[in-house]
Amino acid sequence: MKIQRRQFLHLAAGAASTVVPTTAALGQGTIVPTHAIMIVERTQYFAKPGLAAQVLNLRRRACAVRLSIGLPGGEIFVKHPGGDGSEPDVAWQCTFADAAAREADLWARAASPAFESVRVEMRKLYARFERQVFSIAAL
């Protein structure tokens, strides 16, 4: 069940073309699409004691695998020392043009043995894992 790069690019191009180019300017040069439905996927990793650095390194490797299979790398966030302690040690986030683009991303991840290998390793390092999926609301 391996997705061909050309098939993935075709799916991604189709998803990107559904974004309506109408935009509204807000504040200091921020441009927000007014009719697009953007999807945000956020994962949070609560490391086992003493393993936060390993979780971060493995999340970096997961991003590199994503790039190698033609997916966006996303963004990695780390716990800030000024927090209240309830934050995850590491978080990852990626934005998709719409639900179809996220589905294509999920499919590509599932078809990648390299990505599955990272998932297996990561499960050994965290005590708790959370995934949230959001739609970006219009202002």
Protein backbone atom coordinates (compact mmCIF):
# COMPACT_ATOMS: atom_id res chain seq x y z
CA MET A 1 0.00 0.00 0.00
CA LYS A 2 2.75 2.40 -0.99
CA ILE A 3 1.73 5.77 -2.38
CA GLN A 4 3.64 6.89 -5.43
CA ARG A 5 5.20 10.34 -5.18
CA ARG A 6 3.37 11.46 -8.33
CA GLN A 7 0.01 10.32 -6.87
CA PHE A 8 0.69 12.16 -3.63
CA LEU A 9 1.70 15.34 -5.43
CA HIS A 10 -1.45 15.10 -7.55
CA LEU A 11 -3.59 14.74 -4.41
CA ALA A 12 -1.81 17.61 -2.69
CA ALA A 13 -2.11 19.87 -5.74
CA GLY A 14 -5.82 19.13 -5.96
CA ALA A 15 -6.28 19.92 -2.30
CA ALA A 16 -4.28 23.15 -2.59
CA SER A 17 -6.33 24.29 -5.56
CA THR A 18 -9.52 24.20 -3.46
CA VAL A 19 -8.35 27.13 -1.35
CA VAL A 20 -10.19 30.25 -2.45
CA PRO A 21 -7.69 33.04 -3.13
CA THR A 22 -9.89 35.70 -1.48
CA THR A 23 -8.05 37.05 1.56
CA ALA A 24 -8.52 39.67 4.20
CA ALA A 25 -5.62 41.65 5.62
CA LEU A 26 -5.47 41.83 9.40
CA GLY A 27 -3.10 43.96 11.44
CA GLN A 28 0.64 43.88 10.79
CA GLY A 29 0.69 42.19 7.39
CA THR A 30 -1.11 39.04 8.52
CA ILE A 31 -3.12 37.50 5.69
CA VAL A 32 -5.87 35.02 6.58
CA PRO A 33 -7.94 33.23 3.91
CA THR A 34 -11.59 34.14 4.43
CA HIS A 35 -13.23 31.13 2.74
CA ALA A 36 -10.64 28.38 3.22
CA ILE A 37 -11.11 25.60 5.74
CA MET A 38 -7.67 24.96 7.15
CA ILE A 39 -6.99 21.93 9.34
CA VAL A 40 -4.38 21.90 12.11
CA GLU A 41 -3.06 18.65 13.57
CA ARG A 42 -1.19 18.93 16.86
CA THR A 43 0.49 16.07 18.70
CA GLN A 44 1.82 16.29 22.24
CA TYR A 45 4.42 14.06 23.84
CA PHE A 46 4.74 13.77 27.61
CA ALA A 47 8.10 12.03 28.01
CA LYS A 48 8.90 9.39 30.57
CA PRO A 49 11.15 10.82 33.31
CA GLY A 50 14.56 11.77 31.93
CA LEU A 51 13.66 11.07 28.28
CA ALA A 52 12.54 14.51 27.04
CA ALA A 53 15.73 15.04 24.99
CA GLN A 54 15.29 11.66 23.29
CA VAL A 55 11.65 12.48 22.49
CA LEU A 56 12.76 15.75 20.90
CA ASN A 57 15.46 14.04 18.85
CA LEU A 58 13.05 11.37 17.65
CA ARG A 59 10.41 13.98 16.75
CA ARG A 60 13.10 15.73 14.68
CA ARG A 61 13.79 12.40 12.95
CA ALA A 62 10.05 11.97 12.28
CA CYS A 63 10.02 15.40 10.60
CA ALA A 64 13.01 14.39 8.46
CA VAL A 65 11.17 11.21 7.41
CA ARG A 66 8.11 13.31 6.55
CA LEU A 67 10.24 15.53 4.30
CA SER A 68 11.84 12.48 2.66
CA ILE A 69 8.40 11.12 1.65
CA GLY A 70 7.25 14.45 0.27
CA LEU A 71 5.26 15.73 3.26
CA PRO A 72 5.72 19.05 5.06
CA GLY A 73 7.94 18.79 8.13
CA GLY A 74 5.61 20.76 10.40
CA GLU A 75 6.78 22.66 13.46
CA ILE A 76 8.25 21.36 16.71
CA PHE A 77 7.64 23.06 20.06
CA VAL A 78 9.43 22.35 23.34
CA LYS A 79 8.37 22.97 26.92
CA HIS A 80 9.26 26.48 28.08
CA PRO A 81 10.83 26.76 31.55
CA GLY A 82 8.30 29.46 32.51
CA GLY A 83 5.31 27.14 32.14
CA ASP A 84 3.25 25.67 34.94
CA GLY A 85 4.60 22.13 34.43
CA SER A 86 1.46 20.70 32.84
CA GLU A 87 2.71 21.26 29.29
CA PRO A 88 3.96 18.44 27.10
CA ASP A 89 7.73 18.08 26.80
CA VAL A 90 7.49 18.19 23.00
CA ALA A 91 4.68 19.14 20.64
CA TRP A 92 4.43 18.98 16.86
CA GLN A 93 2.01 20.84 14.62
CA CYS A 94 1.20 20.88 10.92
CA THR A 95 -1.39 22.83 8.96
CA PHE A 96 -3.31 21.40 6.00
CA ALA A 97 -5.33 23.20 3.33
CA ASP A 98 -8.39 21.04 4.04
CA ALA A 99 -9.54 17.64 5.28
CA ALA A 100 -8.57 15.95 2.01
CA ALA A 101 -4.99 17.20 2.33
CA ARG A 102 -4.79 15.84 5.87
CA GLU A 103 -6.21 12.50 4.74
CA ALA A 104 -3.55 12.29 2.00
CA ASP A 105 -0.92 13.06 4.64
CA LEU A 106 -2.25 10.33 6.95
CA TRP A 107 -2.25 7.87 4.07
CA ALA A 108 1.36 8.69 3.12
CA ARG A 109 2.48 8.26 6.75
CA ALA A 110 0.71 4.92 7.04
CA ALA A 111 2.34 3.70 3.82
CA SER A 112 5.86 4.60 5.02
CA PRO A 113 7.83 1.85 6.81
CA ALA A 114 10.35 4.50 7.91
CA PHE A 115 7.64 6.58 9.57
CA GLU A 116 6.14 3.53 11.27
CA SER A 117 9.60 2.66 12.62
CA VAL A 118 9.82 6.11 14.24
CA ARG A 119 6.35 5.63 15.76
CA VAL A 120 7.38 2.31 17.30
CA GLU A 121 10.48 3.89 18.85
CA MET A 122 8.53 6.91 20.11
CA ARG A 123 5.99 4.73 21.95
CA LYS A 124 8.85 3.51 24.16
CA LEU A 125 9.80 7.06 25.18
CA TYR A 126 6.57 8.74 26.24
CA ALA A 127 4.28 8.25 29.19
CA ARG A 128 1.37 10.01 27.49
CA PHE A 129 0.54 11.02 23.92
CA GLU A 130 -2.26 13.30 22.74
CA ARG A 131 -3.43 14.27 19.25
CA GLN A 132 -5.81 17.10 18.50
CA VAL A 133 -7.24 18.12 15.14
CA PHE A 134 -8.70 21.61 14.71
CA SER A 135 -10.33 23.66 12.00
CA ILE A 136 -9.18 27.27 11.90
CA ALA A 137 -12.15 29.50 12.69
CA ALA A 138 -12.73 32.75 10.84
CA LEU A 139 -12.20 35.92 12.86
